[in-house]
């Protein structure tokens, strides 16, 4: 579903993201499973959701979001008319109401609210895709509930609440023991990505330079680790 955001800036990158609704928290992206909705309804619903996801994958502003929404009115109507009657219904109806109100008012700023972003993430998880419409990896949520993922959630929340890259570095400096624990519990499934995050965090601490955690490589690695921990953005 269209999201006004700047990609999945989590773990280290969240504090450095610039734009409308740039950050989502770990607790706001939940796993949702199918219930009583018919297979055909879910298939149609998710097909429209994927169309909207892909069309909005490069959205970085409220103006961009409105352009995408207006250009994809048919897909939005199809999405709204095929909401399954199960656990995802309230999330989907709330999102449709908000999107239509934004289009009517020609103002998409309200779509950056954390609750609506959480709704969008829940719908994507229900449909088995990431925010850009690509399928969730086979190891999605494989690490959920582990000490590694608990450390990841704590670090992500702390950095995500930082107002500036400098504040993010200050958080990392104050939580080096947590970073070390994260590093000590890295599973083989995300070895390379998780080690990249540790390296970037320690480089930021050593240099007192927030730019060390602002790279695309860090963004990609953090998203891969989040997916392993069951967090979809």
Protein backbone atom coordinates (compact mmCIF):
# COMPACT_ATOMS: atom_id res chain seq x y z
CA UNK A 1 0.00 0.00 0.00
CA UNK A 2 1.39 3.51 -0.72
CA UNK A 3 3.59 4.75 2.10
CA UNK A 4 5.01 8.25 2.51
CA UNK A 5 8.47 7.31 3.66
CA UNK A 6 12.12 7.14 2.76
CA UNK A 7 12.70 3.41 2.46
CA UNK A 8 13.17 1.11 5.45
CA UNK A 9 15.49 3.16 7.64
CA UNK A 10 15.92 0.94 10.67
CA UNK A 11 18.56 -0.11 13.17
CA UNK A 12 21.26 2.48 12.40
CA UNK A 13 19.86 4.49 9.51
CA UNK A 14 16.50 5.53 10.99
CA UNK A 15 17.80 8.63 12.74
CA UNK A 16 19.52 9.83 9.59
CA UNK A 17 16.51 9.53 7.28
CA UNK A 18 15.17 12.79 5.89
CA UNK A 19 11.62 13.17 4.63
CA UNK A 20 8.00 12.60 5.53
CA UNK A 21 7.36 9.67 7.84
CA UNK A 22 10.85 8.30 7.46
CA UNK A 23 10.91 5.89 10.40
CA UNK A 24 8.86 2.92 11.49
CA UNK A 25 9.40 1.22 14.84
CA UNK A 26 9.93 -2.50 15.35
CA UNK A 27 6.79 -2.73 17.44
CA UNK A 28 4.57 -1.18 14.80
CA UNK A 29 5.21 -3.75 12.09
CA UNK A 30 3.38 -6.91 13.04
CA UNK A 31 2.92 -10.27 11.44
CA UNK A 32 -0.61 -10.94 10.23
CA UNK A 33 -2.03 -14.23 9.03
CA UNK A 34 -5.05 -15.04 6.91
CA UNK A 35 -8.30 -15.95 8.60
CA UNK A 36 -11.76 -16.40 7.13
CA UNK A 37 -11.24 -14.45 3.89
CA UNK A 38 -11.73 -16.49 0.73
CA UNK A 39 -8.68 -17.38 -1.33
CA UNK A 40 -9.99 -15.49 -4.37
CA UNK A 41 -10.69 -12.35 -2.34
CA UNK A 42 -7.25 -12.44 -0.74
CA UNK A 43 -5.61 -13.00 -4.11
CA UNK A 44 -7.35 -9.99 -5.63
CA UNK A 45 -6.75 -7.83 -2.54
CA UNK A 46 -3.06 -8.68 -2.44
CA UNK A 47 -2.70 -8.21 -6.18
CA UNK A 48 -3.95 -4.65 -5.90
CA UNK A 49 -1.76 -4.09 -2.84
CA UNK A 50 1.33 -5.23 -4.74
CA UNK A 51 0.44 -2.92 -7.65
CA UNK A 52 0.19 0.01 -5.25
CA UNK A 53 3.41 -0.99 -3.46
CA UNK A 54 5.39 -1.16 -6.68
CA UNK A 55 4.01 2.11 -8.01
CA UNK A 56 4.93 3.89 -4.78
CA UNK A 57 8.33 2.28 -4.17
CA UNK A 58 10.20 5.50 -4.98
CA UNK A 59 7.92 7.87 -3.09
CA UNK A 60 9.86 10.24 -0.82
CA UNK A 61 7.43 13.09 -0.24
CA UNK A 62 3.77 13.90 0.32
CA UNK A 63 3.54 15.40 -3.17
CA UNK A 64 4.93 12.21 -4.72
CA UNK A 65 2.45 10.13 -2.75
CA UNK A 66 -0.52 12.15 -3.97
CA UNK A 67 0.64 11.82 -7.57
CA UNK A 68 0.90 8.04 -7.22
CA UNK A 69 -2.46 7.71 -5.47
CA UNK A 70 -4.29 9.78 -8.08
CA UNK A 71 -2.67 7.85 -10.92
CA UNK A 72 -3.67 4.52 -9.36
CA UNK A 73 -7.30 5.19 -8.43
CA UNK A 74 -8.39 1.95 -10.12
CA UNK A 75 -5.98 -0.13 -8.07
CA UNK A 76 -7.04 1.65 -4.88
CA UNK A 77 -10.71 0.99 -5.64
CA UNK A 78 -9.93 -2.66 -6.38
CA UNK A 79 -8.02 -2.91 -3.10
CA UNK A 80 -10.92 -1.36 -1.19
CA UNK A 81 -13.53 -3.58 -2.83
CA UNK A 82 -11.69 -6.83 -2.10
CA UNK A 83 -10.75 -6.47 1.57
CA UNK A 84 -10.91 -9.98 3.09
CA UNK A 85 -13.23 -10.53 6.03
CA UNK A 86 -10.54 -11.58 8.46
CA UNK A 87 -7.74 -10.26 10.68
CA UNK A 88 -6.50 -7.65 8.21
CA UNK A 89 -9.88 -5.99 7.65
CA UNK A 90 -9.59 -3.15 10.19
CA UNK A 91 -6.06 -2.26 9.04
CA UNK A 92 -7.11 -2.17 5.39
CA UNK A 93 -10.32 -0.20 5.94
CA UNK A 94 -8.49 2.37 8.07
CA UNK A 95 -5.85 2.82 5.41
CA UNK A 96 -8.38 3.18 2.59
CA UNK A 97 -10.31 5.82 4.57
CA UNK A 98 -7.13 7.78 5.23
CA UNK A 99 -5.90 7.56 1.64
CA UNK A 100 -9.21 8.71 0.18
CA UNK A 101 -9.36 11.60 2.63
CA UNK A 102 -5.82 12.62 1.65
CA UNK A 103 -6.71 12.58 -2.05
CA UNK A 104 -9.90 14.55 -1.44
CA UNK A 105 -8.04 17.17 0.58
CA UNK A 106 -5.03 17.13 -1.79
CA UNK A 107 -2.84 16.66 1.28
CA UNK A 108 -0.95 13.43 2.00
CA UNK A 109 0.86 14.59 5.15
CA UNK A 110 -1.50 12.61 7.41
CA UNK A 111 -0.38 9.40 5.68
CA UNK A 112 2.99 9.59 7.44
CA UNK A 113 1.44 8.77 10.83
CA UNK A 114 3.03 5.77 12.60
CA UNK A 115 -0.33 4.02 12.96
CA UNK A 116 -1.06 4.14 9.23
CA UNK A 117 2.47 3.04 8.39
CA UNK A 118 1.94 0.11 10.76
CA UNK A 119 -1.31 -0.73 8.98
CA UNK A 120 0.53 -0.73 5.65
CA UNK A 121 3.27 -2.98 7.01
CA UNK A 122 0.70 -5.42 8.45
CA UNK A 123 -1.06 -5.60 5.08
CA UNK A 124 2.21 -6.24 3.26
CA UNK A 125 3.07 -9.03 5.70
CA UNK A 126 -0.39 -10.53 5.25
CA UNK A 127 0.24 -10.53 1.50
CA UNK A 128 3.75 -11.96 1.88
CA UNK A 129 5.59 -8.97 0.45
CA UNK A 130 7.89 -6.15 1.48
CA UNK A 131 6.98 -2.48 1.14
CA UNK A 132 8.18 -2.34 -2.47
CA UNK A 133 6.04 -5.31 -3.48
CA UNK A 134 8.85 -7.87 -3.64
CA UNK A 135 8.28 -11.21 -1.84
CA UNK A 136 9.33 -11.64 1.77
CA UNK A 137 12.49 -13.75 2.10
CA UNK A 138 12.24 -17.42 3.03
CA UNK A 139 13.82 -16.67 6.43
CA UNK A 140 11.27 -13.98 7.34
CA UNK A 141 10.72 -14.01 11.13
CA UNK A 142 13.04 -17.01 11.56
CA UNK A 143 14.88 -15.21 14.36
CA UNK A 144 11.85 -13.71 16.10
CA UNK A 145 12.08 -14.07 19.87
CA UNK A 146 15.85 -14.66 19.96
CA UNK A 147 18.36 -12.68 22.03
CA UNK A 148 19.87 -11.39 18.79
CA UNK A 149 16.55 -9.94 17.64
CA UNK A 150 15.84 -8.50 21.09
CA UNK A 151 19.14 -6.62 20.90
CA UNK A 152 18.33 -5.50 17.36
CA UNK A 153 14.95 -4.16 18.49
CA UNK A 154 16.48 -2.23 21.39
CA UNK A 155 19.19 -0.66 19.25
CA UNK A 156 16.73 0.15 16.48
CA UNK A 157 14.34 1.82 18.92
CA UNK A 158 17.12 3.87 20.49
CA UNK A 159 18.63 5.06 17.25
CA UNK A 160 15.19 5.59 15.76
CA UNK A 161 14.26 8.00 18.53
CA UNK A 162 17.38 10.11 17.96
CA UNK A 163 16.65 13.49 16.41
CA UNK A 164 19.94 13.79 14.48
CA UNK A 165 22.83 11.56 13.35
CA UNK A 166 24.88 13.06 16.20
CA UNK A 167 22.24 11.98 18.69
CA UNK A 168 22.27 8.52 17.14
CA UNK A 169 26.03 8.30 17.65
CA UNK A 170 25.59 9.41 21.25
CA UNK A 171 23.10 6.60 21.77
CA UNK A 172 25.52 4.08 20.28
CA UNK A 173 28.33 5.34 22.51
CA UNK A 174 26.12 4.87 25.57
CA UNK A 175 25.05 1.39 24.49
CA UNK A 176 28.26 -0.28 23.39
CA UNK A 177 27.56 -3.27 25.63
CA UNK A 178 24.29 -3.85 23.77
CA UNK A 179 26.12 -3.65 20.43
CA UNK A 180 28.69 -6.18 21.69
CA UNK A 181 25.91 -8.53 22.79
CA UNK A 182 24.25 -8.14 19.38
CA UNK A 183 27.58 -9.00 17.74
CA UNK A 184 28.10 -12.03 19.97
CA UNK A 185 24.73 -13.52 19.02
CA UNK A 186 24.81 -13.06 15.23
CA UNK A 187 23.24 -16.11 13.55
CA UNK A 188 24.72 -17.58 10.40
CA UNK A 189 21.56 -16.74 8.42
CA UNK A 190 22.34 -13.01 8.53
CA UNK A 191 26.05 -13.13 9.33
CA UNK A 192 27.24 -10.73 6.64
CA UNK A 193 24.45 -8.16 7.06
CA UNK A 194 24.61 -8.11 10.85
CA UNK A 195 28.40 -7.83 10.87
CA UNK A 196 28.13 -4.89 8.48
CA UNK A 197 25.86 -3.13 10.98
CA UNK A 198 28.27 -3.77 13.84
CA UNK A 199 31.19 -2.49 11.77
CA UNK A 200 29.29 0.66 10.82
CA UNK A 201 28.19 1.30 14.40
CA UNK A 202 31.70 0.94 15.75
CA UNK A 203 33.12 3.14 12.97
CA UNK A 204 30.56 5.83 13.84
CA UNK A 205 31.55 5.61 17.51
CA UNK A 206 35.30 5.69 16.80
CA UNK A 207 35.05 8.68 14.47
CA UNK A 208 32.09 10.40 16.15
CA UNK A 209 30.71 10.64 12.64
CA UNK A 210 27.06 9.94 11.92
CA UNK A 211 27.68 9.63 8.19
CA UNK A 212 29.12 6.16 8.85
CA UNK A 213 25.58 4.92 9.45
CA UNK A 214 23.90 6.78 6.58
CA UNK A 215 24.98 4.62 3.65
CA UNK A 216 22.77 2.59 1.34
CA UNK A 217 24.74 -0.51 2.33
CA UNK A 218 23.74 0.01 5.97
CA UNK A 219 20.12 0.57 4.96
CA UNK A 220 20.06 -2.68 2.96
CA UNK A 221 21.77 -4.68 5.70
CA UNK A 222 19.45 -3.32 8.39
CA UNK A 223 16.38 -4.18 6.35
CA UNK A 224 17.62 -7.74 5.82
CA UNK A 225 18.22 -8.17 9.54
CA UNK A 226 14.81 -6.74 10.36
CA UNK A 227 13.12 -9.17 8.01
CA UNK A 228 14.93 -12.07 9.67
CA UNK A 229 13.59 -10.78 12.99
CA UNK A 230 10.03 -10.55 11.66
CA UNK A 231 9.92 -6.80 11.11
CA UNK A 232 8.45 -5.68 7.78
CA UNK A 233 8.47 -2.02 6.70
